[in-house]
Amino acid sequence: MNLGVMQPYFFPYLGYFQLIGATDKFILHDHSHFIKRRWIHRNRILIRQTGIIYITVPLKKASSNKRISEIEIEYSVDWQRKILKTFMLNYKHAHYFHEIYPFIETILRTKHQTIAELNFDSIRAVCNLLEIDTAIVYGSEPYFEIEEALKSQPSSPYDLKTQRVIAVCKQEGADTYTNAIGGQALYNKQIFADNGIRLQFIQTLPYQYPQLTKTFYPDLSILDVLFHCGVKDTKKLLSYYELI
């Protein structure tokens, strides 16, 4: 079984969904600590004709002392309306606006208590839209149990990140672990092989699609891809990767 694990991001980029599609089972890991100015509650889209802006979900008392699963969404301001208006103003001339906008509106108009819940539901919804049939698991409890077990074990020659991932793979019965390309700086293939697990990394191949800007901006939120390419051509882009 091929396993993937990532934090639940807010409408992540194409490569995130390529990773999900490349695995048999994908765990949305909301047990790790929240880090500000990352992708948990914001992402990048285009301002028509000019460049990039961030769309952001406001949070209540967000702190690196809290885990992602504990971070609540702030509803004292109508941020859903603001984000939807931003989409309307900047993507209304995109070819697939009328196909995609109702889909996004349904997700954002649904009230979620935590950012983890919103991200899980939106990631699952995008996967359903793109017909990615990977089993997606959400929840922190197994990670609490794994961390407690690691604390009680003798000291290990492996760093804690590696120990966690190997422990999760063994618990899930995975013989392959697929990680984002950035994981090459974190994980060693030989260490995984010594534990009976094949480690591989997904590398998105160069791609481009028509945007409403003169310059092409890659790796924006999957929503930018959907607005410009529609469901059919976005599904084609999901295959633009290699495993190394």
C-alpha atoms as a PDB file:
ATOM      1  CA  MET A   1       0.000   0.000   0.000  1.00  0.00           C
ATOM      2  CA  ASN A   2       1.244   3.436  -1.012  1.00  0.00           C
ATOM      3  CA  LEU A   3       0.764   6.071   1.710  1.00  0.00           C
ATOM      4  CA  GLY A   4       0.950   9.874   1.677  1.00  0.00           C
ATOM      5  CA  VAL A   5       0.789  12.275   4.633  1.00  0.00           C
ATOM      6  CA  MET A   6       0.479  16.057   4.529  1.00  0.00           C
ATOM      7  CA  GLN A   7      -0.879  18.889   6.620  1.00  0.00           C
ATOM      8  CA  PRO A   8      -4.329  20.064   5.484  1.00  0.00           C
ATOM      9  CA  TYR A   9      -3.743  23.167   3.359  1.00  0.00           C
ATOM     10  CA  PHE A  10      -6.275  25.777   2.236  1.00  0.00           C
ATOM     11  CA  PHE A  11      -7.108  25.049  -1.422  1.00  0.00           C
ATOM     12  CA  PRO A  12      -3.534  23.870  -2.119  1.00  0.00           C
ATOM     13  CA  TYR A  13      -1.702  23.916  -5.444  1.00  0.00           C
ATOM     14  CA  LEU A  14      -1.821  21.331  -8.236  1.00  0.00           C
ATOM     15  CA  GLY A  15       1.142  19.322  -6.912  1.00  0.00           C
ATOM     16  CA  TYR A  16      -0.702  18.610  -3.655  1.00  0.00           C
ATOM     17  CA  PHE A  17      -3.503  16.897  -5.579  1.00  0.00           C
ATOM     18  CA  GLN A  18      -0.997  15.069  -7.756  1.00  0.00           C
ATOM     19  CA  LEU A  19       0.449  13.665  -4.533  1.00  0.00           C
ATOM     20  CA  ILE A  20      -2.978  12.558  -3.333  1.00  0.00           C
ATOM     21  CA  GLY A  21      -3.692  10.924  -6.685  1.00  0.00           C
ATOM     22  CA  ALA A  22      -0.347   9.094  -6.665  1.00  0.00           C
ATOM     23  CA  THR A  23      -1.146   7.303  -3.383  1.00  0.00           C
ATOM     24  CA  ASP A  24      -3.607   4.638  -2.245  1.00  0.00           C
ATOM     25  CA  LYS A  25      -4.261   6.303   1.102  1.00  0.00           C
ATOM     26  CA  PHE A  26      -3.680   9.903   2.131  1.00  0.00           C
ATOM     27  CA  ILE A  27      -3.638  11.163   5.706  1.00  0.00           C
ATOM     28  CA  LEU A  28      -4.427  14.808   6.426  1.00  0.00           C
ATOM     29  CA  HIS A  29      -2.171  15.387   9.393  1.00  0.00           C
ATOM     30  CA  ASP A  30      -3.640  18.139  11.577  1.00  0.00           C
ATOM     31  CA  HIS A  31      -1.727  17.079  14.677  1.00  0.00           C
ATOM     32  CA  SER A  32       1.357  19.192  13.988  1.00  0.00           C
ATOM     33  CA  HIS A  33       1.707  22.696  15.414  1.00  0.00           C
ATOM     34  CA  PHE A  34       0.282  25.638  13.531  1.00  0.00           C
ATOM     35  CA  ILE A  35       2.844  27.891  11.827  1.00  0.00           C
ATOM     36  CA  LYS A  36       1.866  31.403  10.813  1.00  0.00           C
ATOM     37  CA  ARG A  37       2.275  32.664   7.257  1.00  0.00           C
ATOM     38  CA  ARG A  38       2.178  29.165   5.779  1.00  0.00           C
ATOM     39  CA  TRP A  39      -0.479  27.461   3.675  1.00  0.00           C
ATOM     40  CA  ILE A  40      -2.862  26.317   6.417  1.00  0.00           C
ATOM     41  CA  HIS A  41      -5.181  29.325   6.183  1.00  0.00           C
ATOM     42  CA  ARG A  42      -4.152  31.154   3.030  1.00  0.00           C
ATOM     43  CA  ASN A  43      -3.172  30.673  -0.601  1.00  0.00           C
ATOM     44  CA  ARG A  44      -2.318  32.597  -3.740  1.00  0.00           C
ATOM     45  CA  ILE A  45      -4.594  33.562  -6.619  1.00  0.00           C
ATOM     46  CA  LEU A  46      -4.368  36.117  -9.435  1.00  0.00           C
ATOM     47  CA  ILE A  47      -5.434  39.716  -9.624  1.00  0.00           C
ATOM     48  CA  ARG A  48      -6.584  40.092 -13.204  1.00  0.00           C
ATOM     49  CA  GLN A  49      -3.906  41.538 -15.492  1.00  0.00           C
ATOM     50  CA  THR A  50      -1.475  42.405 -12.690  1.00  0.00           C
ATOM     51  CA  GLY A  51      -0.229  39.560 -10.500  1.00  0.00           C
ATOM     52  CA  ILE A  52      -0.617  37.588  -7.293  1.00  0.00           C
ATOM     53  CA  ILE A  53      -2.582  38.210  -4.098  1.00  0.00           C
ATOM     54  CA  TYR A  54      -3.301  36.059  -1.053  1.00  0.00           C
ATOM     55  CA  ILE A  55      -6.751  34.957   0.051  1.00  0.00           C
ATOM     56  CA  THR A  56      -6.790  34.386   3.808  1.00  0.00           C
ATOM     57  CA  VAL A  57      -9.156  32.829   6.342  1.00  0.00           C
ATOM     58  CA  PRO A  58      -9.061  34.808   9.628  1.00  0.00           C
ATOM     59  CA  LEU A  59      -8.377  32.717  12.710  1.00  0.00           C
ATOM     60  CA  LYS A  60      -9.080  32.984  16.439  1.00  0.00           C
ATOM     61  CA  LYS A  61      -5.998  33.239  18.645  1.00  0.00           C
ATOM     62  CA  ALA A  62      -3.792  31.365  16.200  1.00  0.00           C
ATOM     63  CA  SER A  63      -0.552  30.355  17.872  1.00  0.00           C
ATOM     64  CA  SER A  64       2.381  28.039  17.271  1.00  0.00           C
ATOM     65  CA  ASN A  65       1.592  26.630  20.732  1.00  0.00           C
ATOM     66  CA  LYS A  66      -1.582  25.130  19.312  1.00  0.00           C
ATOM     67  CA  ARG A  67      -2.017  22.226  16.942  1.00  0.00           C
ATOM     68  CA  ILE A  68      -3.715  22.785  13.588  1.00  0.00           C
ATOM     69  CA  SER A  69      -6.729  20.807  14.778  1.00  0.00           C
ATOM     70  CA  GLU A  70      -7.243  23.314  17.604  1.00  0.00           C
ATOM     71  CA  ILE A  71      -7.270  26.499  15.515  1.00  0.00           C
ATOM     72  CA  GLU A  72     -10.760  27.968  15.181  1.00  0.00           C
ATOM     73  CA  ILE A  73     -12.019  30.191  12.367  1.00  0.00           C
ATOM     74  CA  GLU A  74     -12.975  33.790  13.114  1.00  0.00           C
ATOM     75  CA  TYR A  75     -16.484  34.666  11.943  1.00  0.00           C
ATOM     76  CA  SER A  76     -16.804  38.182  13.374  1.00  0.00           C
ATOM     77  CA  VAL A  77     -15.991  39.433   9.867  1.00  0.00           C
ATOM     78  CA  ASP A  78     -17.634  38.211   6.662  1.00  0.00           C
ATOM     79  CA  TRP A  79     -14.464  36.829   5.121  1.00  0.00           C
ATOM     80  CA  GLN A  80     -16.409  34.375   2.941  1.00  0.00           C
ATOM     81  CA  ARG A  81     -18.128  37.247   1.167  1.00  0.00           C
ATOM     82  CA  LYS A  82     -14.806  39.062   0.730  1.00  0.00           C
ATOM     83  CA  ILE A  83     -13.071  36.031  -0.812  1.00  0.00           C
ATOM     84  CA  LEU A  84     -16.023  35.256  -3.090  1.00  0.00           C
ATOM     85  CA  LYS A  85     -16.115  38.878  -4.246  1.00  0.00           C
ATOM     86  CA  THR A  86     -12.389  38.649  -5.010  1.00  0.00           C
ATOM     87  CA  PHE A  87     -13.054  35.599  -7.179  1.00  0.00           C
ATOM     88  CA  MET A  88     -15.938  37.356  -8.892  1.00  0.00           C
ATOM     89  CA  LEU A  89     -13.908  40.472  -9.717  1.00  0.00           C
ATOM     90  CA  ASN A  90     -10.766  38.687 -10.875  1.00  0.00           C
ATOM     91  CA  TYR A  91     -11.989  35.476 -12.507  1.00  0.00           C
ATOM     92  CA  LYS A  92     -15.343  36.403 -14.040  1.00  0.00           C
ATOM     93  CA  HIS A  93     -13.672  36.502 -17.468  1.00  0.00           C
ATOM     94  CA  ALA A  94     -11.947  33.138 -16.999  1.00  0.00           C
ATOM     95  CA  HIS A  95     -13.275  30.542 -19.435  1.00  0.00           C
ATOM     96  CA  TYR A  96     -14.621  28.186 -16.756  1.00  0.00           C
ATOM     97  CA  PHE A  97     -15.801  30.737 -14.187  1.00  0.00           C
ATOM     98  CA  HIS A  98     -19.460  29.684 -14.347  1.00  0.00           C
ATOM     99  CA  GLU A  99     -18.516  26.022 -13.985  1.00  0.00           C
ATOM    100  CA  ILE A 100     -16.304  26.508 -10.926  1.00  0.00           C
ATOM    101  CA  TYR A 101     -17.675  29.481  -8.979  1.00  0.00           C
ATOM    102  CA  PRO A 102     -20.820  27.705  -7.627  1.00  0.00           C
ATOM    103  CA  PHE A 103     -18.620  24.829  -6.464  1.00  0.00           C
ATOM    104  CA  ILE A 104     -16.359  27.181  -4.486  1.00  0.00           C
ATOM    105  CA  GLU A 105     -19.283  29.181  -3.129  1.00  0.00           C
ATOM    106  CA  THR A 106     -20.879  26.043  -1.675  1.00  0.00           C
ATOM    107  CA  ILE A 107     -17.680  25.160   0.182  1.00  0.00           C
ATOM    108  CA  LEU A 108     -17.001  28.650   1.540  1.00  0.00           C
ATOM    109  CA  ARG A 109     -20.603  29.302   2.563  1.00  0.00           C
ATOM    110  CA  THR A 110     -20.583  26.170   4.733  1.00  0.00           C
ATOM    111  CA  LYS A 111     -19.624  27.080   8.281  1.00  0.00           C
ATOM    112  CA  HIS A 112     -16.751  25.128   9.855  1.00  0.00           C
ATOM    113  CA  GLN A 113     -15.530  25.521  13.405  1.00  0.00           C
ATOM    114  CA  THR A 114     -11.843  24.904  12.728  1.00  0.00           C
ATOM    115  CA  ILE A 115      -9.513  25.581   9.825  1.00  0.00           C
ATOM    116  CA  ALA A 116      -8.661  21.863   9.734  1.00  0.00           C
ATOM    117  CA  GLU A 117     -12.320  20.995   9.147  1.00  0.00           C
ATOM    118  CA  LEU A 118     -12.648  23.569   6.354  1.00  0.00           C
ATOM    119  CA  ASN A 119      -9.481  22.351   4.663  1.00  0.00           C
ATOM    120  CA  PHE A 120     -10.461  18.711   4.945  1.00  0.00           C
ATOM    121  CA  ASP A 121     -13.880  19.314   3.419  1.00  0.00           C
ATOM    122  CA  SER A 122     -12.479  21.494   0.623  1.00  0.00           C
ATOM    123  CA  ILE A 123      -9.684  19.036  -0.231  1.00  0.00           C
ATOM    124  CA  ARG A 124     -12.138  16.155  -0.290  1.00  0.00           C
ATOM    125  CA  ALA A 125     -14.555  18.174  -2.447  1.00  0.00           C
ATOM    126  CA  VAL A 126     -11.828  19.001  -4.988  1.00  0.00           C
ATOM    127  CA  CYS A 127     -10.797  15.336  -5.087  1.00  0.00           C
ATOM    128  CA  ASN A 128     -14.404  14.327  -5.771  1.00  0.00           C
ATOM    129  CA  LEU A 129     -14.671  16.972  -8.497  1.00  0.00           C
ATOM    130  CA  LEU A 130     -11.489  15.695 -10.167  1.00  0.00           C
ATOM    131  CA  GLU A 131     -12.418  12.039  -9.603  1.00  0.00           C
ATOM    132  CA  ILE A 132      -9.386  11.293  -7.455  1.00  0.00           C
ATOM    133  CA  ASP A 133     -10.419   8.087  -5.707  1.00  0.00           C
ATOM    134  CA  THR A 134      -7.647   7.895  -3.092  1.00  0.00           C
ATOM    135  CA  ALA A 135      -8.874   7.068   0.408  1.00  0.00           C
ATOM    136  CA  ILE A 136      -8.476  10.249   2.481  1.00  0.00           C
ATOM    137  CA  VAL A 137      -8.207  10.014   6.267  1.00  0.00           C
ATOM    138  CA  TYR A 138      -8.684  12.955   8.599  1.00  0.00           C
ATOM    139  CA  GLY A 139      -8.125  13.132  12.342  1.00  0.00           C
ATOM    140  CA  SER A 140      -5.484  13.587  15.011  1.00  0.00           C
ATOM    141  CA  GLU A 141      -6.070  10.765  17.441  1.00  0.00           C
ATOM    142  CA  PRO A 142      -3.753   8.178  15.821  1.00  0.00           C
ATOM    143  CA  TYR A 143      -0.898  10.697  15.918  1.00  0.00           C
ATOM    144  CA  PHE A 144      -1.316  11.348  19.620  1.00  0.00           C
ATOM    145  CA  GLU A 145      -1.031   7.613  20.211  1.00  0.00           C
ATOM    146  CA  ILE A 146       2.049   7.307  17.983  1.00  0.00           C
ATOM    147  CA  GLU A 147       3.810  10.232  19.675  1.00  0.00           C
ATOM    148  CA  GLU A 148       3.157   8.810  23.112  1.00  0.00           C
ATOM    149  CA  ALA A 149       4.544   5.457  21.992  1.00  0.00           C
ATOM    150  CA  LEU A 150       7.677   7.132  20.568  1.00  0.00           C
ATOM    151  CA  LYS A 151       8.291   8.953  23.858  1.00  0.00           C
ATOM    152  CA  SER A 152       8.374   5.665  25.739  1.00  0.00           C
ATOM    153  CA  GLN A 153      10.863   4.030  23.371  1.00  0.00           C
ATOM    154  CA  PRO A 154      14.644   4.015  23.814  1.00  0.00           C
ATOM    155  CA  SER A 155      16.568   6.748  22.011  1.00  0.00           C
ATOM    156  CA  SER A 156      16.662   6.306  18.231  1.00  0.00           C
ATOM    157  CA  PRO A 157      19.400   7.150  15.694  1.00  0.00           C
ATOM    158  CA  TYR A 158      16.660   8.660  13.513  1.00  0.00           C
ATOM    159  CA  ASP A 159      15.299  12.181  13.884  1.00  0.00           C
ATOM    160  CA  LEU A 160      11.762  12.526  15.234  1.00  0.00           C
ATOM    161  CA  LYS A 161      10.185  13.386  11.856  1.00  0.00           C
ATOM    162  CA  THR A 162      11.554  10.190  10.342  1.00  0.00           C
ATOM    163  CA  GLN A 163      10.472   8.138  13.344  1.00  0.00           C
ATOM    164  CA  ARG A 164       6.929   9.489  13.094  1.00  0.00           C
ATOM    165  CA  VAL A 165       6.545   8.774   9.397  1.00  0.00           C
ATOM    166  CA  ILE A 166       7.977   5.259   9.673  1.00  0.00           C
ATOM    167  CA  ALA A 167       5.708   4.556  12.650  1.00  0.00           C
ATOM    168  CA  VAL A 168       2.663   5.759  10.702  1.00  0.00           C
ATOM    169  CA  CYS A 169       3.621   3.654   7.670  1.00  0.00           C
ATOM    170  CA  LYS A 170       3.967   0.556   9.831  1.00  0.00           C
ATOM    171  CA  GLN A 171       0.680   1.218  11.606  1.00  0.00           C
ATOM    172  CA  GLU A 172      -1.099   1.619   8.265  1.00  0.00           C
ATOM    173  CA  GLY A 173       0.610  -1.397   6.698  1.00  0.00           C
ATOM    174  CA  ALA A 174       2.232   0.736   3.981  1.00  0.00           C
ATOM    175  CA  ASP A 175       5.184  -0.632   2.008  1.00  0.00           C
ATOM    176  CA  THR A 176       5.608   2.644   0.055  1.00  0.00           C
ATOM    177  CA  TYR A 177       5.673   6.231   1.288  1.00  0.00           C
ATOM    178  CA  THR A 178       5.282   9.012  -1.280  1.00  0.00           C
ATOM    179  CA  ASN A 179       6.247  12.526  -0.243  1.00  0.00           C
ATOM    180  CA  ALA A 180       6.373  15.980  -1.811  1.00  0.00           C
ATOM    181  CA  ILE A 181       9.642  16.845  -3.548  1.00  0.00           C
ATOM    182  CA  GLY A 182      10.657  19.115  -0.659  1.00  0.00           C
ATOM    183  CA  GLY A 183      10.886  16.019   1.510  1.00  0.00           C
ATOM    184  CA  GLN A 184      14.203  15.119  -0.119  1.00  0.00           C
ATOM    185  CA  ALA A 185      15.864  17.442   2.379  1.00  0.00           C
ATOM    186  CA  LEU A 186      14.186  15.662   5.295  1.00  0.00           C
ATOM    187  CA  TYR A 187      14.092  11.939   4.599  1.00  0.00           C
ATOM    188  CA  ASN A 188      16.682   9.310   3.669  1.00  0.00           C
ATOM    189  CA  LYS A 189      15.687   6.500   1.319  1.00  0.00           C
ATOM    190  CA  GLN A 190      18.076   4.007   2.906  1.00  0.00           C
ATOM    191  CA  ILE A 191      16.629   4.533   6.393  1.00  0.00           C
ATOM    192  CA  PHE A 192      13.144   3.804   5.046  1.00  0.00           C
ATOM    193  CA  ALA A 193      14.425   0.781   3.115  1.00  0.00           C
ATOM    194  CA  ASP A 194      15.994  -0.565   6.312  1.00  0.00           C
ATOM    195  CA  ASN A 195      12.476  -0.484   7.770  1.00  0.00           C
ATOM    196  CA  GLY A 196      10.911  -2.258   4.794  1.00  0.00           C
ATOM    197  CA  ILE A 197       9.441   0.887   3.237  1.00  0.00           C
ATOM    198  CA  ARG A 198      10.099   2.287  -0.224  1.00  0.00           C
ATOM    199  CA  LEU A 199      10.478   6.075  -0.127  1.00  0.00           C
ATOM    200  CA  GLN A 200       9.715   8.075  -3.264  1.00  0.00           C
ATOM    201  CA  PHE A 201       9.151  11.737  -4.077  1.00  0.00           C
ATOM    202  CA  ILE A 202       6.735  13.325  -6.507  1.00  0.00           C
ATOM    203  CA  GLN A 203       8.125  15.938  -8.873  1.00  0.00           C
ATOM    204  CA  THR A 204       5.645  18.067 -10.812  1.00  0.00           C
ATOM    205  CA  LEU A 205       6.695  18.387 -14.444  1.00  0.00           C
ATOM    206  CA  PRO A 206       6.761  21.808 -16.153  1.00  0.00           C
ATOM    207  CA  TYR A 207       3.279  22.878 -17.159  1.00  0.00           C
ATOM    208  CA  GLN A 208       1.476  25.970 -18.363  1.00  0.00           C
ATOM    209  CA  TYR A 209      -2.080  27.019 -19.109  1.00  0.00           C
ATOM    210  CA  PRO A 210      -3.723  30.264 -20.320  1.00  0.00           C
ATOM    211  CA  GLN A 211      -4.175  32.785 -17.521  1.00  0.00           C
ATOM    212  CA  LEU A 212      -5.664  36.295 -17.590  1.00  0.00           C
ATOM    213  CA  THR A 213      -2.205  37.777 -17.057  1.00  0.00           C
ATOM    214  CA  LYS A 214       0.638  38.369 -19.498  1.00  0.00           C
ATOM    215  CA  THR A 215       3.061  36.423 -17.292  1.00  0.00           C
ATOM    216  CA  PHE A 216       2.309  32.821 -16.342  1.00  0.00           C
ATOM    217  CA  TYR A 217       2.324  32.191 -12.592  1.00  0.00           C
ATOM    218  CA  PRO A 218       2.721  28.504 -11.627  1.00  0.00           C
ATOM    219  CA  ASP A 219       1.876  26.795  -8.344  1.00  0.00           C
ATOM    220  CA  LEU A 220      -1.080  28.983  -7.409  1.00  0.00           C
ATOM    221  CA  SER A 221      -4.109  27.579  -5.615  1.00  0.00           C
ATOM    222  CA  ILE A 222      -5.850  24.742  -7.450  1.00  0.00           C
ATOM    223  CA  LEU A 223      -8.730  27.198  -7.848  1.00  0.00           C
ATOM    224  CA  ASP A 224      -6.733  29.214 -10.376  1.00  0.00           C
ATOM    225  CA  VAL A 225      -6.177  26.059 -12.411  1.00  0.00           C
ATOM    226  CA  LEU A 226      -9.862  25.162 -12.247  1.00  0.00           C
ATOM    227  CA  PHE A 227     -11.056  28.615 -13.290  1.00  0.00           C
ATOM    228  CA  HIS A 228      -8.762  28.650 -16.334  1.00  0.00           C
ATOM    229  CA  CYS A 229      -8.770  24.972 -17.322  1.00  0.00           C
ATOM    230  CA  GLY A 230     -12.064  23.576 -16.083  1.00  0.00           C
ATOM    231  CA  VAL A 231     -12.469  20.122 -14.629  1.00  0.00           C
ATOM    232  CA  LYS A 232     -11.570  18.202 -17.801  1.00  0.00           C
ATOM    233  CA  ASP A 233      -8.193  19.829 -18.474  1.00  0.00           C
ATOM    234  CA  THR A 234      -7.290  20.074 -14.778  1.00  0.00           C
ATOM    235  CA  LYS A 235      -7.681  16.294 -14.619  1.00  0.00           C
ATOM    236  CA  LYS A 236      -5.179  16.028 -17.468  1.00  0.00           C
ATOM    237  CA  LEU A 237      -2.651  18.156 -15.563  1.00  0.00           C
ATOM    238  CA  LEU A 238      -2.865  15.760 -12.619  1.00  0.00           C
ATOM    239  CA  SER A 239      -0.728  13.313 -14.608  1.00  0.00           C
ATOM    240  CA  TYR A 240       2.097  15.819 -15.219  1.00  0.00           C
ATOM    241  CA  TYR A 241       4.543  14.421 -12.674  1.00  0.00           C
ATOM    242  CA  GLU A 242       7.263  11.854 -12.167  1.00  0.00           C
ATOM    243  CA  LEU A 243       8.202   9.762  -9.156  1.00  0.00           C
ATOM    244  CA  ILE A 244      11.870   9.812  -8.161  1.00  0.00           C
END
